[in-house]
Amino acid sequence: MSNRERAIQLLDIIDEERMVYVVRILENLTGFAEIPNAETAAAIEEGDKMLECGTGQRYEGATEDFFNTLLREE
């Protein structure tokens, strides 16, 4: 049995809940992983520049705590 045949055989027994992980792995291996849109790419670049220049802040903690902090600042 070839590796391809074995992979297909295994895919047939993986439940839908776990299939999302398989799809992500396959997308990464084939180069079809989700590519950020222009707005997201620009935001990532802006954040990187802010960190490099020392004008940005890195938050370490729970996401929920971060959003609560943002909501309190309004």
C-alpha atoms as a PDB file:
ATOM      1  CA  MET A   1       0.000   0.000   0.000  1.00  0.00           C
ATOM      2  CA  SER A   2       1.370   3.409  -0.965  1.00  0.00           C
ATOM      3  CA  ASN A   3       1.586   6.315   1.471  1.00  0.00           C
ATOM      4  CA  ARG A   4      -1.182   8.074  -0.467  1.00  0.00           C
ATOM      5  CA  GLU A   5      -3.473   5.045  -0.188  1.00  0.00           C
ATOM      6  CA  ARG A   6      -2.726   4.739   3.529  1.00  0.00           C
ATOM      7  CA  ALA A   7      -3.416   8.453   4.070  1.00  0.00           C
ATOM      8  CA  ILE A   8      -6.775   8.159   2.310  1.00  0.00           C
ATOM      9  CA  GLN A   9      -7.602   5.091   4.382  1.00  0.00           C
ATOM     10  CA  LEU A  10      -6.823   7.024   7.568  1.00  0.00           C
ATOM     11  CA  LEU A  11      -8.831  10.050   6.419  1.00  0.00           C
ATOM     12  CA  ASP A  12     -11.879   7.845   6.080  1.00  0.00           C
ATOM     13  CA  ILE A  13     -11.820   6.996   9.798  1.00  0.00           C
ATOM     14  CA  ILE A  14     -11.069  10.457  11.244  1.00  0.00           C
ATOM     15  CA  ASP A  15     -14.116  12.103  12.788  1.00  0.00           C
ATOM     16  CA  GLU A  16     -15.236  15.543  11.586  1.00  0.00           C
ATOM     17  CA  GLU A  17     -14.154  17.228  14.818  1.00  0.00           C
ATOM     18  CA  ARG A  18     -10.515  16.231  14.268  1.00  0.00           C
ATOM     19  CA  MET A  19     -10.598  16.695  10.504  1.00  0.00           C
ATOM     20  CA  VAL A  20     -10.010  20.435  10.935  1.00  0.00           C
ATOM     21  CA  TYR A  21      -6.484  19.660  12.171  1.00  0.00           C
ATOM     22  CA  VAL A  22      -5.776  17.397   9.222  1.00  0.00           C
ATOM     23  CA  VAL A  23      -6.983  20.057   6.787  1.00  0.00           C
ATOM     24  CA  ARG A  24      -4.735  22.692   8.385  1.00  0.00           C
ATOM     25  CA  ILE A  25      -1.714  20.403   8.175  1.00  0.00           C
ATOM     26  CA  LEU A  26      -2.434  19.610   4.536  1.00  0.00           C
ATOM     27  CA  GLU A  27      -2.942  23.288   3.709  1.00  0.00           C
ATOM     28  CA  ASN A  28       0.415  24.145   5.265  1.00  0.00           C
ATOM     29  CA  LEU A  29       2.189  21.308   3.483  1.00  0.00           C
ATOM     30  CA  THR A  30       0.743  22.235   0.099  1.00  0.00           C
ATOM     31  CA  GLY A  31       1.098  26.000   0.385  1.00  0.00           C
ATOM     32  CA  PHE A  32      -2.656  26.557   0.489  1.00  0.00           C
ATOM     33  CA  ALA A  33      -2.715  27.879   4.034  1.00  0.00           C
ATOM     34  CA  GLU A  34      -4.886  30.922   4.546  1.00  0.00           C
ATOM     35  CA  ILE A  35      -2.997  34.032   3.526  1.00  0.00           C
ATOM     36  CA  PRO A  36      -3.822  37.197   5.469  1.00  0.00           C
ATOM     37  CA  ASN A  37      -5.643  39.874   3.461  1.00  0.00           C
ATOM     38  CA  ALA A  38      -3.980  43.237   2.797  1.00  0.00           C
ATOM     39  CA  GLU A  39      -5.535  44.905   5.848  1.00  0.00           C
ATOM     40  CA  THR A  40      -4.339  42.153   8.198  1.00  0.00           C
ATOM     41  CA  ALA A  41      -0.860  42.115   6.627  1.00  0.00           C
ATOM     42  CA  ALA A  42      -0.625  45.911   7.063  1.00  0.00           C
ATOM     43  CA  ALA A  43      -1.689  45.647  10.716  1.00  0.00           C
ATOM     44  CA  ILE A  44       0.930  42.960  11.386  1.00  0.00           C
ATOM     45  CA  GLU A  45       3.605  45.077   9.706  1.00  0.00           C
ATOM     46  CA  GLU A  46       2.544  48.150  11.701  1.00  0.00           C
ATOM     47  CA  GLY A  47       2.743  46.180  14.955  1.00  0.00           C
ATOM     48  CA  ASP A  48       6.191  44.845  14.092  1.00  0.00           C
ATOM     49  CA  LYS A  49       7.445  48.365  13.340  1.00  0.00           C
ATOM     50  CA  MET A  50       6.007  49.690  16.601  1.00  0.00           C
ATOM     51  CA  LEU A  51       7.805  46.981  18.556  1.00  0.00           C
ATOM     52  CA  GLU A  52      11.078  47.624  16.694  1.00  0.00           C
ATOM     53  CA  CYS A  53      10.890  51.392  17.354  1.00  0.00           C
ATOM     54  CA  GLY A  54       9.865  50.972  20.951  1.00  0.00           C
ATOM     55  CA  THR A  55       6.527  52.733  20.440  1.00  0.00           C
ATOM     56  CA  GLY A  56       4.433  49.607  20.815  1.00  0.00           C
ATOM     57  CA  GLN A  57       3.608  47.488  23.803  1.00  0.00           C
ATOM     58  CA  ARG A  58       3.566  43.739  24.151  1.00  0.00           C
ATOM     59  CA  TYR A  59       0.780  42.419  26.322  1.00  0.00           C
ATOM     60  CA  GLU A  60       1.360  39.189  28.183  1.00  0.00           C
ATOM     61  CA  GLY A  61      -1.638  37.683  29.859  1.00  0.00           C
ATOM     62  CA  ALA A  62      -5.085  36.347  29.166  1.00  0.00           C
ATOM     63  CA  THR A  63      -6.910  37.709  26.126  1.00  0.00           C
ATOM     64  CA  GLU A  64      -9.981  38.343  28.253  1.00  0.00           C
ATOM     65  CA  ASP A  65      -7.927  40.516  30.619  1.00  0.00           C
ATOM     66  CA  PHE A  66      -6.512  42.461  27.671  1.00  0.00           C
ATOM     67  CA  PHE A  67      -9.950  43.221  26.262  1.00  0.00           C
ATOM     68  CA  ASN A  68     -11.227  44.214  29.715  1.00  0.00           C
ATOM     69  CA  THR A  69      -8.314  46.665  29.966  1.00  0.00           C
ATOM     70  CA  LEU A  70      -9.176  48.132  26.571  1.00  0.00           C
ATOM     71  CA  LEU A  71     -12.838  48.511  27.522  1.00  0.00           C
ATOM     72  CA  ARG A  72     -11.916  50.345  30.741  1.00  0.00           C
ATOM     73  CA  GLU A  73      -9.779  52.858  28.772  1.00  0.00           C
ATOM     74  CA  GLU A  74     -12.748  54.165  26.759  1.00  0.00           C
END
